[in-house]
Amino acid sequence: MANEADALTSVKTVLDAGWNSSNTDGVTPTVYVTMSQPMRFDHATANDHILIYSSSHTTDPNDLGASHKERTVDRVSIDIRTKYVASGETSPRLHGRRVYNEIRRIFAGKINLFDSGAFQQMIPIGYIDFSSHGFFRYVYDIYLRNWVVAR
């Protein structure tokens, strides 16, 4: 049965394997997996950071009752943070949007078949913009679904 750690590790594996730094100004972010959101970064550097953490985990019994399967749903947050300013630009916002778009590109082909081995479906939920002056931060949420044999 998939668990919270599997969901987080699966997302990191997919991001690491699919990242194309030519889409993000030649910068590859450092990806962290944590079981809780709070984490401090050294923002004195212009490196990109992606923090992956679980927002929730639910298990639902199958509605049909006759089948012995249940659905697990992991809500995973992908927290994008950067201060990187690309050449010729005045703020990290455009670069941050490129990082966000790269994550969307990576997951675009996995909406109906998440091939991490642990989950069958990935559904993007949306994002929240926490950006402020001189700092870009988006939190992008996804659902990972898995149907497993109930015990």
Foldseek 3Di string as FASTA:
>chain_A
DDDFVNVQVLLVVLCVVQDDCVLQLNADADEEEDADPDDDDDQVDFGKYKYKYWPDKDKAADPVVVAQKIKIKTKMKIKIKGLDDHPPGDACVVSSVSVVVRSCVSCVVQQQQSPSVAFGHKAWDAWDWPDDPSMGIIITIMMTMHMDGHD
